Amino acid sequence: DALELTKLLRTAKAPRCDENKGFQLVQGAPHCLHARVARDISFSLRDFEGFSETRVSLQPKIEFDEWIAGPPDCVRYLICEPLSDHKVNRLLDAGSQCNRRPEIPGVNRPYWYVSGGPNSPATLHIEDGNTGSANLLLAGAEKHWIIFSRSSANKLESCIREQYPTSKSCSQFLRHHNVLVGPRWLEARGIRYEIVCQKPGDVLVTLPGRVYHEVRNTGKNFAVAIN
């Protein structure tokens, strides 16, 4: 339960100094937001206050656009390998074929995702190697996902290249921009998308292929994922 998970975080070992602990949020073009890793931000799990968010969002689309338009300067968001041996690390499985490969943290071994407050992001991306992903929200506030079907991938990439003419030529060029785009940006370009509200206990699965997605954490939460 939430109390057990709070205790797990408070008693976990400290993350490595090179692991991501937060982002600086910077507005870009209209209805776009850039999230840059904040190397100097601190995030001590020993002081984690627990999960108190119970509000259910009724207007995730409006909230997403409002976040893009008026983001906080910095947000705490720990993304790391498991910091304790616990059963939550065994709730997701990458499958027999992937598990036979050498250990790849975050791919066939889980990663922890701990949001220290509202408005922490996962920028627009597809998984490395076009793999699928599974994200289990263990406790805390909702995650709001914007997910694009494979049929939208070409148009999305084309619009990003038009907005950022200096885009790289690699398959992950979009990830290099560290960008989030809001519903208004997408609708102005006729790009189809879906907003999914993930609640505690939900597993959000993205299928293999060019399934772009981005995420807004609406408050403090704790998730595990494999990609």
C-alpha atoms as a PDB file:
ATOM      1  CA  ASP A   1       0.000   0.000   0.000  1.00  0.00           C
ATOM      2  CA  ALA A   2       0.990   3.678  -0.088  1.00  0.00           C
ATOM      3  CA  LEU A   3       2.438   3.617   3.437  1.00  0.00           C
ATOM      4  CA  GLU A   4       4.622   0.605   2.635  1.00  0.00           C
ATOM      5  CA  LEU A   5       5.830   2.235  -0.571  1.00  0.00           C
ATOM      6  CA  THR A   6       6.618   5.462   1.273  1.00  0.00           C
ATOM      7  CA  LYS A   7       8.700   3.469   3.759  1.00  0.00           C
ATOM      8  CA  LEU A   8      10.430   1.695   0.868  1.00  0.00           C
ATOM      9  CA  LEU A   9      11.495   5.007  -0.635  1.00  0.00           C
ATOM     10  CA  ARG A  10      12.605   6.505   2.677  1.00  0.00           C
ATOM     11  CA  THR A  11      14.813   3.511   3.494  1.00  0.00           C
ATOM     12  CA  ALA A  12      16.220   2.973  -0.011  1.00  0.00           C
ATOM     13  CA  LYS A  13      19.870   3.601  -0.730  1.00  0.00           C
ATOM     14  CA  ALA A  14      20.811   6.936  -2.228  1.00  0.00           C
ATOM     15  CA  PRO A  15      20.783   7.167  -6.034  1.00  0.00           C
ATOM     16  CA  ARG A  16      24.052   7.556  -7.901  1.00  0.00           C
ATOM     17  CA  CYS A  17      25.183  11.100  -8.519  1.00  0.00           C
ATOM     18  CA  ASP A  18      24.812  10.634 -12.300  1.00  0.00           C
ATOM     19  CA  GLU A  19      21.171   9.524 -12.178  1.00  0.00           C
ATOM     20  CA  ASN A  20      18.469  11.963 -13.182  1.00  0.00           C
ATOM     21  CA  LYS A  21      16.877  13.795 -10.260  1.00  0.00           C
ATOM     22  CA  GLY A  22      14.934  16.528 -12.003  1.00  0.00           C
ATOM     23  CA  PHE A  23      14.352  18.858 -14.911  1.00  0.00           C
ATOM     24  CA  GLN A  24      14.484  22.520 -15.757  1.00  0.00           C
ATOM     25  CA  LEU A  25      11.401  23.468 -17.776  1.00  0.00           C
ATOM     26  CA  VAL A  26      11.719  26.142 -20.462  1.00  0.00           C
ATOM     27  CA  GLN A  27       9.036  27.397 -22.821  1.00  0.00           C
ATOM     28  CA  GLY A  28       9.885  27.089 -26.490  1.00  0.00           C
ATOM     29  CA  ALA A  29       7.735  27.802 -29.536  1.00  0.00           C
ATOM     30  CA  PRO A  30       4.011  28.409 -28.897  1.00  0.00           C
ATOM     31  CA  HIS A  31       2.407  25.418 -27.160  1.00  0.00           C
ATOM     32  CA  CYS A  32       5.788  23.690 -26.774  1.00  0.00           C
ATOM     33  CA  LEU A  33       7.866  23.017 -23.676  1.00  0.00           C
ATOM     34  CA  HIS A  34      11.478  21.908 -23.304  1.00  0.00           C
ATOM     35  CA  ALA A  35      12.672  19.800 -20.370  1.00  0.00           C
ATOM     36  CA  ARG A  36      16.401  19.829 -19.683  1.00  0.00           C
ATOM     37  CA  VAL A  37      18.070  17.614 -17.114  1.00  0.00           C
ATOM     38  CA  ALA A  38      18.910  19.696 -14.040  1.00  0.00           C
ATOM     39  CA  ARG A  39      22.248  18.327 -12.841  1.00  0.00           C
ATOM     40  CA  ASP A  40      22.362  20.509  -9.739  1.00  0.00           C
ATOM     41  CA  ILE A  41      18.935  19.602  -8.345  1.00  0.00           C
ATOM     42  CA  SER A  42      18.761  17.540  -5.140  1.00  0.00           C
ATOM     43  CA  PHE A  43      16.178  14.908  -4.288  1.00  0.00           C
ATOM     44  CA  SER A  44      16.510  13.078  -0.967  1.00  0.00           C
ATOM     45  CA  LEU A  45      14.136  10.136  -0.627  1.00  0.00           C
ATOM     46  CA  ARG A  46      14.760  10.064   3.121  1.00  0.00           C
ATOM     47  CA  ASP A  47      12.615  13.187   3.334  1.00  0.00           C
ATOM     48  CA  PHE A  48       9.868  11.876   1.047  1.00  0.00           C
ATOM     49  CA  GLU A  49       6.557  12.910   2.606  1.00  0.00           C
ATOM     50  CA  GLY A  50       4.388  10.211   1.080  1.00  0.00           C
ATOM     51  CA  PHE A  51       1.477  10.189  -1.316  1.00  0.00           C
ATOM     52  CA  SER A  52      -1.510  12.376  -0.545  1.00  0.00           C
ATOM     53  CA  GLU A  53      -2.921  13.146  -3.986  1.00  0.00           C
ATOM     54  CA  THR A  54      -6.399  11.715  -4.480  1.00  0.00           C
ATOM     55  CA  ARG A  55      -7.821  14.251  -6.936  1.00  0.00           C
ATOM     56  CA  VAL A  56      -9.087  12.794 -10.190  1.00  0.00           C
ATOM     57  CA  SER A  57      -8.589  15.091 -13.154  1.00  0.00           C
ATOM     58  CA  LEU A  58     -11.732  15.916 -15.107  1.00  0.00           C
ATOM     59  CA  GLN A  59     -10.049  18.084 -17.738  1.00  0.00           C
ATOM     60  CA  PRO A  60      -6.666  16.526 -18.586  1.00  0.00           C
ATOM     61  CA  LYS A  61      -6.531  18.180 -22.008  1.00  0.00           C
ATOM     62  CA  ILE A  62      -6.971  21.681 -20.577  1.00  0.00           C
ATOM     63  CA  GLU A  63      -4.520  20.955 -17.755  1.00  0.00           C
ATOM     64  CA  PHE A  64      -1.900  19.703 -20.224  1.00  0.00           C
ATOM     65  CA  ASP A  65      -2.134  22.900 -22.258  1.00  0.00           C
ATOM     66  CA  GLU A  66      -2.043  25.068 -19.118  1.00  0.00           C
ATOM     67  CA  TRP A  67       1.105  23.259 -17.979  1.00  0.00           C
ATOM     68  CA  ILE A  68       2.770  23.820 -21.351  1.00  0.00           C
ATOM     69  CA  ALA A  69       1.830  27.512 -21.237  1.00  0.00           C
ATOM     70  CA  GLY A  70       2.923  28.158 -17.640  1.00  0.00           C
ATOM     71  CA  PRO A  71       5.410  25.575 -16.362  1.00  0.00           C
ATOM     72  CA  PRO A  72       7.346  25.776 -13.092  1.00  0.00           C
ATOM     73  CA  ASP A  73      11.056  26.525 -13.408  1.00  0.00           C
ATOM     74  CA  CYS A  74      12.285  23.209 -11.983  1.00  0.00           C
ATOM     75  CA  VAL A  75      10.734  19.890 -10.997  1.00  0.00           C
ATOM     76  CA  ARG A  76      12.124  16.943  -9.068  1.00  0.00           C
ATOM     77  CA  TYR A  77      11.861  13.597 -10.845  1.00  0.00           C
ATOM     78  CA  LEU A  78      14.104  10.666  -9.942  1.00  0.00           C
ATOM     79  CA  ILE A  79      14.689   8.142 -12.745  1.00  0.00           C
ATOM     80  CA  CYS A  80      17.014   5.347 -11.700  1.00  0.00           C
ATOM     81  CA  GLU A  81      17.722   1.659 -11.298  1.00  0.00           C
ATOM     82  CA  PRO A  82      15.965   0.083  -8.280  1.00  0.00           C
ATOM     83  CA  LEU A  83      17.408   1.394  -5.036  1.00  0.00           C
ATOM     84  CA  SER A  84      16.227  -1.542  -2.928  1.00  0.00           C
ATOM     85  CA  ASP A  85      15.503  -5.244  -3.402  1.00  0.00           C
ATOM     86  CA  HIS A  86      11.718  -5.326  -3.190  1.00  0.00           C
ATOM     87  CA  LYS A  87       8.810  -7.179  -4.746  1.00  0.00           C
ATOM     88  CA  VAL A  88       7.876  -4.125  -6.840  1.00  0.00           C
ATOM     89  CA  ASN A  89      10.942  -4.887  -8.957  1.00  0.00           C
ATOM     90  CA  ARG A  90       9.403  -8.196 -10.010  1.00  0.00           C
ATOM     91  CA  LEU A  91       5.902  -7.047 -10.921  1.00  0.00           C
ATOM     92  CA  LEU A  92       6.760  -6.452 -14.585  1.00  0.00           C
ATOM     93  CA  ASP A  93       8.450  -8.929 -16.906  1.00  0.00           C
ATOM     94  CA  ALA A  94      10.035  -8.202 -20.270  1.00  0.00           C
ATOM     95  CA  GLY A  95       9.290 -11.709 -21.563  1.00  0.00           C
ATOM     96  CA  SER A  96      11.422 -14.780 -22.133  1.00  0.00           C
ATOM     97  CA  GLN A  97      13.031 -13.624 -25.370  1.00  0.00           C
ATOM     98  CA  CYS A  98      14.136 -10.267 -23.972  1.00  0.00           C
ATOM     99  CA  ASN A  99      15.188 -11.800 -20.652  1.00  0.00           C
ATOM    100  CA  ARG A 100      17.664 -14.089 -22.439  1.00  0.00           C
ATOM    101  CA  ARG A 101      19.640 -11.063 -23.534  1.00  0.00           C
ATOM    102  CA  PRO A 102      22.330  -9.442 -21.373  1.00  0.00           C
ATOM    103  CA  GLU A 103      20.923  -7.243 -18.630  1.00  0.00           C
ATOM    104  CA  ILE A 104      19.831  -3.847 -19.907  1.00  0.00           C
ATOM    105  CA  PRO A 105      18.551  -1.572 -17.112  1.00  0.00           C
ATOM    106  CA  GLY A 106      15.185  -0.117 -17.994  1.00  0.00           C
ATOM    107  CA  VAL A 107      14.665  -2.593 -20.835  1.00  0.00           C
ATOM    108  CA  ASN A 108      14.723  -6.116 -19.440  1.00  0.00           C
ATOM    109  CA  ARG A 109      15.308  -4.890 -15.905  1.00  0.00           C
ATOM    110  CA  PRO A 110      12.995  -2.347 -14.252  1.00  0.00           C
ATOM    111  CA  TYR A 111      13.594   1.313 -13.618  1.00  0.00           C
ATOM    112  CA  TRP A 112      12.094   3.395 -10.830  1.00  0.00           C
ATOM    113  CA  TYR A 113      10.310   6.668 -11.560  1.00  0.00           C
ATOM    114  CA  VAL A 114       9.633   8.886  -8.527  1.00  0.00           C
ATOM    115  CA  SER A 115       7.972  12.246  -9.101  1.00  0.00           C
ATOM    116  CA  GLY A 116       8.627  14.729  -6.298  1.00  0.00           C
ATOM    117  CA  GLY A 117       5.640  16.911  -7.155  1.00  0.00           C
ATOM    118  CA  PRO A 118       3.296  18.056  -9.913  1.00  0.00           C
ATOM    119  CA  ASN A 119       4.302  18.777 -13.508  1.00  0.00           C
ATOM    120  CA  SER A 120       7.328  16.512 -13.915  1.00  0.00           C
ATOM    121  CA  PRO A 121       7.650  15.246 -17.501  1.00  0.00           C
ATOM    122  CA  ALA A 122       8.598  12.491 -19.849  1.00  0.00           C
ATOM    123  CA  THR A 123       9.385  14.246 -23.110  1.00  0.00           C
ATOM    124  CA  LEU A 124       8.095  13.180 -26.507  1.00  0.00           C
ATOM    125  CA  HIS A 125       9.831   9.979 -27.614  1.00  0.00           C
ATOM    126  CA  ILE A 126       9.660   6.425 -28.876  1.00  0.00           C
ATOM    127  CA  GLU A 127      11.482   3.590 -27.154  1.00  0.00           C
ATOM    128  CA  ASP A 128      14.980   2.603 -28.252  1.00  0.00           C
ATOM    129  CA  GLY A 129      14.804  -0.084 -30.904  1.00  0.00           C
ATOM    130  CA  ASN A 130      11.078   0.580 -31.308  1.00  0.00           C
ATOM    131  CA  THR A 131      10.363  -1.787 -28.435  1.00  0.00           C
ATOM    132  CA  GLY A 132       7.160  -1.743 -26.455  1.00  0.00           C
ATOM    133  CA  SER A 133       6.985  -0.558 -22.865  1.00  0.00           C
ATOM    134  CA  ALA A 134       5.041  -1.221 -19.680  1.00  0.00           C
ATOM    135  CA  ASN A 135       4.632   1.315 -16.886  1.00  0.00           C
ATOM    136  CA  LEU A 136       3.011   0.363 -13.570  1.00  0.00           C
ATOM    137  CA  LEU A 137       1.880   3.275 -11.416  1.00  0.00           C
ATOM    138  CA  LEU A 138       2.283   1.999  -7.863  1.00  0.00           C
ATOM    139  CA  ALA A 139       1.045   4.953  -5.823  1.00  0.00           C
ATOM    140  CA  GLY A 140       0.333   8.647  -5.880  1.00  0.00           C
ATOM    141  CA  ALA A 141      -1.047  11.096  -8.398  1.00  0.00           C
ATOM    142  CA  GLU A 142      -2.203  10.325 -11.913  1.00  0.00           C
ATOM    143  CA  LYS A 143       0.063  10.244 -14.931  1.00  0.00           C
ATOM    144  CA  HIS A 144      -1.410  11.890 -18.024  1.00  0.00           C
ATOM    145  CA  TRP A 145      -0.145  10.366 -21.261  1.00  0.00           C
ATOM    146  CA  ILE A 146      -0.454  11.753 -24.761  1.00  0.00           C
ATOM    147  CA  ILE A 147      -0.112   8.763 -27.064  1.00  0.00           C
ATOM    148  CA  PHE A 148       0.104   8.730 -30.856  1.00  0.00           C
ATOM    149  CA  SER A 149      -0.816   5.828 -33.106  1.00  0.00           C
ATOM    150  CA  ARG A 150       1.778   4.460 -35.508  1.00  0.00           C
ATOM    151  CA  SER A 151      -0.174   6.045 -38.368  1.00  0.00           C
ATOM    152  CA  SER A 152       0.525   9.496 -36.888  1.00  0.00           C
ATOM    153  CA  ALA A 153       4.295   9.017 -36.598  1.00  0.00           C
ATOM    154  CA  ASN A 154       5.299  10.308 -40.036  1.00  0.00           C
ATOM    155  CA  LYS A 155       3.204  13.452 -39.755  1.00  0.00           C
ATOM    156  CA  LEU A 156       4.432  14.151 -36.231  1.00  0.00           C
ATOM    157  CA  GLU A 157       8.066  13.768 -37.286  1.00  0.00           C
ATOM    158  CA  SER A 158       7.517  15.972 -40.337  1.00  0.00           C
ATOM    159  CA  CYS A 159       5.976  18.750 -38.234  1.00  0.00           C
ATOM    160  CA  ILE A 160       8.806  18.586 -35.695  1.00  0.00           C
ATOM    161  CA  ARG A 161      11.415  18.800 -38.483  1.00  0.00           C
ATOM    162  CA  GLU A 162       9.579  21.806 -39.915  1.00  0.00           C
ATOM    163  CA  GLN A 163       9.638  23.542 -36.541  1.00  0.00           C
ATOM    164  CA  TYR A 164      13.262  22.548 -35.845  1.00  0.00           C
ATOM    165  CA  PRO A 165      15.124  22.708 -39.196  1.00  0.00           C
ATOM    166  CA  THR A 166      18.422  21.713 -37.543  1.00  0.00           C
ATOM    167  CA  SER A 167      17.035  18.326 -36.445  1.00  0.00           C
ATOM    168  CA  LYS A 168      19.487  15.433 -36.558  1.00  0.00           C
ATOM    169  CA  SER A 169      19.066  12.634 -39.096  1.00  0.00           C
ATOM    170  CA  CYS A 170      19.093   9.717 -36.631  1.00  0.00           C
ATOM    171  CA  SER A 171      16.043   7.588 -35.798  1.00  0.00           C
ATOM    172  CA  GLN A 172      15.787   9.260 -32.378  1.00  0.00           C
ATOM    173  CA  PHE A 173      16.110  12.844 -33.641  1.00  0.00           C
ATOM    174  CA  LEU A 174      12.929  13.872 -31.876  1.00  0.00           C
ATOM    175  CA  ARG A 175      14.215  12.745 -28.494  1.00  0.00           C
ATOM    176  CA  HIS A 176      17.202  15.097 -28.867  1.00  0.00           C
ATOM    177  CA  HIS A 177      14.886  18.110 -28.727  1.00  0.00           C
ATOM    178  CA  ASN A 178      13.661  17.213 -25.207  1.00  0.00           C
ATOM    179  CA  VAL A 179      10.305  18.684 -26.172  1.00  0.00           C
ATOM    180  CA  LEU A 180       6.685  18.278 -25.133  1.00  0.00           C
ATOM    181  CA  VAL A 181       3.902  19.489 -27.397  1.00  0.00           C
ATOM    182  CA  GLY A 182       0.449  20.412 -26.165  1.00  0.00           C
ATOM    183  CA  PRO A 183      -2.970  19.490 -27.547  1.00  0.00           C
ATOM    184  CA  ARG A 184      -3.302  22.932 -29.169  1.00  0.00           C
ATOM    185  CA  TRP A 185      -0.067  22.403 -31.101  1.00  0.00           C
ATOM    186  CA  LEU A 186      -1.221  18.981 -32.251  1.00  0.00           C
ATOM    187  CA  GLU A 187      -4.716  20.032 -33.257  1.00  0.00           C
ATOM    188  CA  ALA A 188      -3.412  23.021 -35.230  1.00  0.00           C
ATOM    189  CA  ARG A 189      -1.487  20.528 -37.369  1.00  0.00           C
ATOM    190  CA  GLY A 190      -4.169  17.873 -37.605  1.00  0.00           C
ATOM    191  CA  ILE A 191      -2.156  15.268 -35.703  1.00  0.00           C
ATOM    192  CA  ARG A 192      -4.289  12.600 -34.081  1.00  0.00           C
ATOM    193  CA  TYR A 193      -3.608  11.739 -30.452  1.00  0.00           C
ATOM    194  CA  GLU A 194      -5.203  10.244 -27.371  1.00  0.00           C
ATOM    195  CA  ILE A 195      -4.939  11.341 -23.731  1.00  0.00           C
ATOM    196  CA  VAL A 196      -4.872   8.487 -21.219  1.00  0.00           C
ATOM    197  CA  CYS A 197      -5.155   9.095 -17.473  1.00  0.00           C
ATOM    198  CA  GLN A 198      -3.184   6.432 -15.601  1.00  0.00           C
ATOM    199  CA  LYS A 199      -4.263   5.853 -12.005  1.00  0.00           C
ATOM    200  CA  PRO A 200      -2.505   3.902  -9.214  1.00  0.00           C
ATOM    201  CA  GLY A 201      -2.660   0.199 -10.001  1.00  0.00           C
ATOM    202  CA  ASP A 202      -2.900   0.776 -13.760  1.00  0.00           C
ATOM    203  CA  VAL A 203      -0.349  -0.660 -16.175  1.00  0.00           C
ATOM    204  CA  LEU A 204       0.097   1.511 -19.251  1.00  0.00           C
ATOM    205  CA  VAL A 205       1.448  -0.463 -22.213  1.00  0.00           C
ATOM    206  CA  THR A 206       2.796   1.029 -25.430  1.00  0.00           C
ATOM    207  CA  LEU A 207       3.064  -1.452 -28.281  1.00  0.00           C
ATOM    208  CA  PRO A 208       6.244  -2.065 -30.297  1.00  0.00           C
ATOM    209  CA  GLY A 209       6.845   0.229 -33.232  1.00  0.00           C
ATOM    210  CA  ARG A 210       6.850   3.975 -33.725  1.00  0.00           C
ATOM    211  CA  VAL A 211       4.374   4.723 -30.952  1.00  0.00           C
ATOM    212  CA  TYR A 212       5.337   8.199 -29.791  1.00  0.00           C
ATOM    213  CA  HIS A 213       4.241   9.314 -26.354  1.00  0.00           C
ATOM    214  CA  GLU A 214       4.835  11.965 -23.678  1.00  0.00           C
ATOM    215  CA  VAL A 215       3.796  12.177 -20.034  1.00  0.00           C
ATOM    216  CA  ARG A 216       2.859  14.720 -17.368  1.00  0.00           C
ATOM    217  CA  ASN A 217       2.893  13.643 -13.728  1.00  0.00           C
ATOM    218  CA  THR A 218       0.111  15.497 -11.925  1.00  0.00           C
ATOM    219  CA  GLY A 219       1.731  15.173  -8.495  1.00  0.00           C
ATOM    220  CA  LYS A 220       3.957  12.985  -6.343  1.00  0.00           C
ATOM    221  CA  ASN A 221       3.947   9.385  -7.518  1.00  0.00           C
ATOM    222  CA  PHE A 222       6.009   6.212  -7.795  1.00  0.00           C
ATOM    223  CA  ALA A 223       6.117   3.916 -10.818  1.00  0.00           C
ATOM    224  CA  VAL A 224       8.187   1.056 -12.170  1.00  0.00           C
ATOM    225  CA  ALA A 225       8.676   0.443 -15.865  1.00  0.00           C
ATOM    226  CA  ILE A 226      10.370  -1.693 -18.458  1.00  0.00           C
ATOM    227  CA  ASN A 227      10.838  -0.520 -22.024  1.00  0.00           C
END
